[in-house]
Amino acid sequence: MPIRVVIADDEDLIRTGLRIIVDTEPDLEVVGEAADGAAVVPVVRTTRPDVVLMDVRMPAVDGIQATRLLLALPQPPKVVVVTTFNDDDYIYDALRAGASGFLLKRSRPDDLAQAVRIVAAGESLLFPAAIRALAASRQSRYAATRAVPGLGKLTAREADVLRLMACGRSNTEIAAELVVGAETVKTHVGNVLAKLGARDRTQAVITAYESGFVSPAELRPR
């Protein structure tokens, strides 16, 4: 079955372009569109997509609130923010609201298609350098208020895995770096998410930044 996609953007031209890119791929299919955040939930309820490509700036209900509404559904889709990157606060707030990652509207078509596949498979679309920069400017704002008891419950190995997740490493890359099996890493990642109460990898990384567990300055670039 193809991966089902809904596109939410207030610009007709952008929606048309995204639809063409997605529908060109044999394993992807656009099943619905919304011109505003207020229309996304009804469209998702009807079409039951796997992934929503979400603009952040829309006139009535923005993509941040729309993301919150979608993730409150019983079987929520994955959300990828598709943005011009004009407003860092919008992107970061969308990630905090539960988006699995973000993509620039000027990205190559192949990158957009691959992003859909990544989040549909349960991974998070992390751009370490960009998220590191976003987190660095906000860490002092959140650190004092983001005490996370679950962080103290992480084993030393789970803490290593979280730090590597914050660097944007995939499970395969983490396994190679720690010299363990991929299934072992998968288990560690699951334990990290459970202990932090995080919905996915992106939420775990945001928690790590905001709590001060990981400092943006100390992360190793890819």
Protein backbone atom coordinates (compact mmCIF):
# COMPACT_ATOMS: atom_id res chain seq x y z
CA MET A 1 0.00 0.00 0.00
CA PRO A 2 1.31 3.48 -0.80
CA ILE A 3 2.04 5.96 1.98
CA ARG A 4 -0.97 8.24 2.27
CA VAL A 5 -0.29 11.99 2.43
CA VAL A 6 -2.37 15.08 3.17
CA ILE A 7 -1.06 18.54 2.21
CA ALA A 8 -1.98 21.59 4.29
CA ASP A 9 -0.97 24.96 2.86
CA ASP A 10 -2.88 28.17 2.19
CA GLU A 11 -1.16 28.77 -1.17
CA ASP A 12 -2.70 26.95 -4.14
CA LEU A 13 0.59 26.96 -6.02
CA ILE A 14 2.48 25.32 -3.15
CA ARG A 15 -0.19 22.64 -2.69
CA THR A 16 -0.14 21.88 -6.41
CA GLY A 17 3.65 21.64 -6.47
CA LEU A 18 3.76 19.35 -3.44
CA ARG A 19 1.01 17.17 -4.89
CA ILE A 20 2.94 16.75 -8.14
CA ILE A 21 6.12 15.81 -6.27
CA VAL A 22 4.38 13.31 -4.01
CA ASP A 23 2.18 11.70 -6.66
CA THR A 24 5.19 11.20 -8.93
CA GLU A 25 6.54 8.64 -6.47
CA PRO A 26 5.08 5.14 -6.92
CA ASP A 27 4.99 4.46 -3.17
CA LEU A 28 3.38 7.78 -2.17
CA GLU A 29 -0.15 9.07 -2.70
CA VAL A 30 -1.85 12.40 -1.93
CA VAL A 31 -5.26 11.60 -0.47
CA GLY A 32 -6.36 15.07 0.59
CA GLU A 33 -5.60 18.78 0.81
CA ALA A 34 -6.45 21.61 3.20
CA ALA A 35 -6.07 25.34 2.61
CA ASP A 36 -6.02 26.18 6.31
CA GLY A 37 -5.23 24.58 9.64
CA ALA A 38 -8.92 24.66 10.54
CA ALA A 39 -9.67 22.28 7.68
CA VAL A 40 -6.90 19.78 8.40
CA VAL A 41 -8.61 17.75 11.12
CA PRO A 42 -11.78 17.04 9.08
CA VAL A 43 -9.67 16.07 6.07
CA VAL A 44 -7.50 13.77 8.19
CA ARG A 45 -10.54 12.17 9.82
CA THR A 46 -11.94 11.40 6.37
CA THR A 47 -8.79 10.31 4.54
CA ARG A 48 -6.73 8.76 7.40
CA PRO A 49 -3.29 9.68 6.02
CA ASP A 50 0.03 8.39 7.29
CA VAL A 51 1.76 11.77 6.96
CA VAL A 52 0.62 15.40 6.85
CA LEU A 53 2.82 18.00 5.14
CA MET A 54 2.01 21.09 7.20
CA ASP A 55 2.63 24.76 6.48
CA VAL A 56 3.11 26.77 9.68
CA ARG A 57 1.71 30.12 8.62
CA MET A 58 -1.94 29.88 7.64
CA PRO A 59 -4.63 32.53 8.16
CA ALA A 60 -7.26 31.06 10.53
CA VAL A 61 -5.52 28.22 12.39
CA ASP A 62 -1.75 28.03 12.03
CA GLY A 63 0.24 24.85 11.61
CA ILE A 64 1.31 24.76 15.25
CA GLN A 65 -2.22 24.60 16.61
CA ALA A 66 -3.26 22.29 13.77
CA THR A 67 -0.43 19.93 14.75
CA ARG A 68 -1.66 19.88 18.35
CA LEU A 69 -5.18 19.10 17.18
CA LEU A 70 -4.00 16.28 14.92
CA LEU A 71 -1.89 14.67 17.61
CA ALA A 72 -4.87 14.65 19.95
CA LEU A 73 -6.71 12.30 17.58
CA PRO A 74 -6.96 8.61 18.56
CA GLN A 75 -4.75 7.53 15.65
CA PRO A 76 -2.77 10.64 14.71
CA PRO A 77 -0.73 10.91 11.52
CA LYS A 78 2.90 11.97 11.47
CA VAL A 79 3.40 15.67 10.81
CA VAL A 80 6.22 17.21 8.77
CA VAL A 81 6.42 20.99 8.82
CA VAL A 82 7.15 22.38 5.37
CA THR A 83 8.36 25.94 5.74
CA THR A 84 10.24 28.79 4.14
CA PHE A 85 12.26 29.00 7.42
CA ASN A 86 11.34 32.67 7.84
CA ASP A 87 10.45 32.33 11.52
CA ASP A 88 12.53 30.13 13.80
CA ASP A 89 9.98 30.38 16.61
CA TYR A 90 7.27 28.89 14.42
CA ILE A 91 9.45 25.92 13.52
CA TYR A 92 10.58 25.26 17.07
CA ASP A 93 7.06 25.62 18.44
CA ALA A 94 5.81 23.18 15.82
CA LEU A 95 8.43 20.65 16.92
CA ARG A 96 7.42 21.17 20.55
CA ALA A 97 3.79 20.66 19.52
CA GLY A 98 4.68 17.22 18.19
CA ALA A 99 5.82 17.56 14.59
CA SER A 100 8.24 14.81 13.61
CA GLY A 101 10.51 17.24 11.78
CA PHE A 102 10.65 20.03 9.27
CA LEU A 103 11.61 20.55 5.65
CA LEU A 104 12.33 23.70 3.69
CA LYS A 105 10.04 24.50 0.76
CA ARG A 106 13.12 24.97 -1.41
CA SER A 107 14.24 21.38 -0.73
CA ARG A 108 14.78 19.06 -3.66
CA PRO A 109 11.82 16.87 -4.67
CA ASP A 110 13.78 13.71 -3.82
CA ASP A 111 14.45 15.05 -0.32
CA LEU A 112 10.77 15.78 0.26
CA ALA A 113 9.74 12.31 -0.89
CA GLN A 114 12.37 10.70 1.31
CA ALA A 115 11.23 12.80 4.28
CA VAL A 116 7.72 11.37 3.92
CA ARG A 117 9.11 7.85 3.87
CA ILE A 118 11.30 8.47 6.92
CA VAL A 119 8.53 9.75 9.19
CA ALA A 120 6.02 7.19 7.90
CA ALA A 121 8.47 4.49 9.00
CA GLY A 122 8.47 5.87 12.53
CA GLU A 123 11.71 7.82 12.37
CA SER A 124 12.07 11.54 13.02
CA LEU A 125 13.28 14.02 10.46
CA LEU A 126 16.07 15.74 12.35
CA PHE A 127 18.49 18.30 10.99
CA PRO A 128 21.02 18.47 13.82
CA ALA A 129 22.71 21.75 12.88
CA ALA A 130 19.41 23.57 12.45
CA ILE A 131 17.76 22.17 15.57
CA ARG A 132 20.96 22.77 17.55
CA ALA A 133 20.84 26.45 16.55
CA LEU A 134 17.14 26.70 17.42
CA ALA A 135 17.69 25.04 20.79
CA ALA A 136 20.76 27.11 21.65
CA SER A 137 18.78 30.35 21.51
CA ARG A 138 15.97 28.92 23.66
CA GLN A 139 17.64 26.65 26.19
CA SER A 140 17.86 29.30 28.91
CA ARG A 141 14.17 30.08 28.37
CA TYR A 142 13.06 26.52 29.09
CA ALA A 143 15.74 24.85 31.21
CA ALA A 144 14.49 26.22 34.52
CA THR A 145 10.96 24.97 33.89
CA ARG A 146 11.65 21.62 32.22
CA ALA A 147 12.58 19.30 35.06
CA VAL A 148 12.14 15.81 33.59
CA PRO A 149 12.26 13.06 36.25
CA GLY A 150 12.70 10.43 33.56
CA LEU A 151 16.16 11.76 32.70
CA GLY A 152 17.47 10.55 36.03
CA LYS A 153 16.18 7.07 35.27
CA LEU A 154 18.25 6.65 32.11
CA THR A 155 21.07 4.14 32.26
CA ALA A 156 24.52 5.29 31.14
CA ARG A 157 24.02 3.55 27.79
CA GLU A 158 20.58 5.09 27.30
CA ALA A 159 22.08 8.51 28.04
CA ASP A 160 24.71 7.89 25.35
CA VAL A 161 21.96 6.92 22.92
CA LEU A 162 19.98 10.09 23.69
CA ARG A 163 23.03 12.27 23.08
CA LEU A 164 23.64 10.59 19.74
CA MET A 165 19.95 10.96 18.86
CA ALA A 166 20.37 14.68 19.58
CA CYS A 167 23.23 14.70 17.05
CA GLY A 168 20.77 13.31 14.50
CA ARG A 169 22.26 9.84 14.29
CA SER A 170 20.10 7.05 12.92
CA ASN A 171 19.81 3.72 14.74
CA THR A 172 22.33 2.21 12.33
CA GLU A 173 24.81 5.01 12.95
CA ILE A 174 24.33 4.79 16.71
CA ALA A 175 24.92 1.04 16.57
CA ALA A 176 28.17 1.55 14.65
CA GLU A 177 29.39 4.25 17.04
CA LEU A 178 28.60 2.29 20.19
CA VAL A 179 29.63 -1.03 18.63
CA VAL A 180 26.35 -2.77 19.41
CA GLY A 181 23.63 -4.38 17.34
CA ALA A 182 20.86 -2.40 15.64
CA GLU A 183 18.20 -4.26 17.64
CA THR A 184 19.96 -3.31 20.86
CA VAL A 185 19.87 0.34 19.84
CA LYS A 186 16.20 0.03 18.95
CA THR A 187 15.55 -1.30 22.46
CA HIS A 188 17.53 1.54 24.03
CA VAL A 189 15.64 4.13 21.97
CA GLY A 190 12.32 2.64 23.05
CA ASN A 191 13.42 2.78 26.68
CA VAL A 192 14.50 6.41 26.33
CA LEU A 193 11.16 7.42 24.83
CA ALA A 194 9.23 5.56 27.52
CA LYS A 195 11.23 7.04 30.40
CA LEU A 196 10.98 10.59 29.03
CA GLY A 197 7.31 10.24 28.09
CA ALA A 198 8.27 11.29 24.56
CA ARG A 199 6.09 10.49 21.57
CA ASP A 200 9.03 10.11 19.18
CA ARG A 201 12.71 10.89 18.69
CA THR A 202 12.12 14.56 17.98
CA GLN A 203 10.28 15.02 21.27
CA ALA A 204 13.07 13.22 23.12
CA VAL A 205 15.68 15.49 21.57
CA ILE A 206 13.66 18.63 22.37
CA THR A 207 13.38 17.43 25.98
CA ALA A 208 17.13 16.79 26.12
CA TYR A 209 17.88 20.32 24.92
CA GLU A 210 15.32 22.17 27.00
CA SER A 211 16.15 20.37 30.24
CA GLY A 212 19.83 21.11 29.85
CA PHE A 213 20.67 17.39 29.69
CA VAL A 214 22.34 18.07 26.34
CA SER A 215 24.04 21.36 25.60
CA PRO A 216 23.90 22.48 21.96
CA ALA A 217 27.52 23.57 22.27
CA GLU A 218 28.73 20.10 23.22
CA LEU A 219 27.09 18.15 20.41
CA ARG A 220 29.29 16.68 17.76
CA PRO A 221 28.31 17.76 14.23
CA ARG A 222 27.64 15.15 11.60
